């Protein structure tokens, strides 16, 4: 595994190059070489299954938002999008540099080992748009589909013919982490509250995620002593 000082030098150089490349554009050979080099270096440092790799992969440099396949975005629009994606890459590298001294870095072999067997997302079906984004984020950081259980999304929930309660009990038992996506919709759903009770008893770890206007004050006595966060709190 590389020394932190070596990793810092590599990441710093990648960040500086990202700033310099903003003026060259998406189709520049310099950018294509930099993108390929970034993938190789992140893979060598963190591994191809790491959150860091999927974080860089999640920056879609080649996507121009707001245009269909039949429309041709102007050069100014294309450059503006490219500039913003390169700025996102700089922020990613900056964040990785900050983390070097905060957290011990795992080798690529260690990163292949899953920390938990399952992520169970307890939520109201009315909050599906937010939950879809959470599942997308979990996928970007490297979780496989079979490690995510979410009843509102096709392919992530209970299959036809299965007993709902038995499946619930099986999924939240053992090494599962439960993400409680809490909203006003959640507390108006008897099914969600039943799910919460079972998940609270059977799982080992719980993380509440609040959808505004749900607030921490409304959580008193619901999930005590469990640290969570609210949608919109960027640092968390």
Foldseek 3Di string as FASTA:
>chain_A
DDDLVVLLVVLVVLLVLLVVCLVVADPDPSVVVSLVVVLVVCCQAANCQALLNLQLVVLCLPDQPPDDPPDDDDPVSRSVSNNVSSVSSSVSSVVVNVCSVVDPGDHNVVRVDDPFQAEEEQEFLVCVVVVVVVVVSVVSRRDDLQRYADCNDPSRYDDPPDDRVVVLLVRLADRYEYEYEDDPNLVVDPVSVVSLVSNVVHHDHYEYEYEPPDDPVVCVPPDPPHYYYYPPPVVD
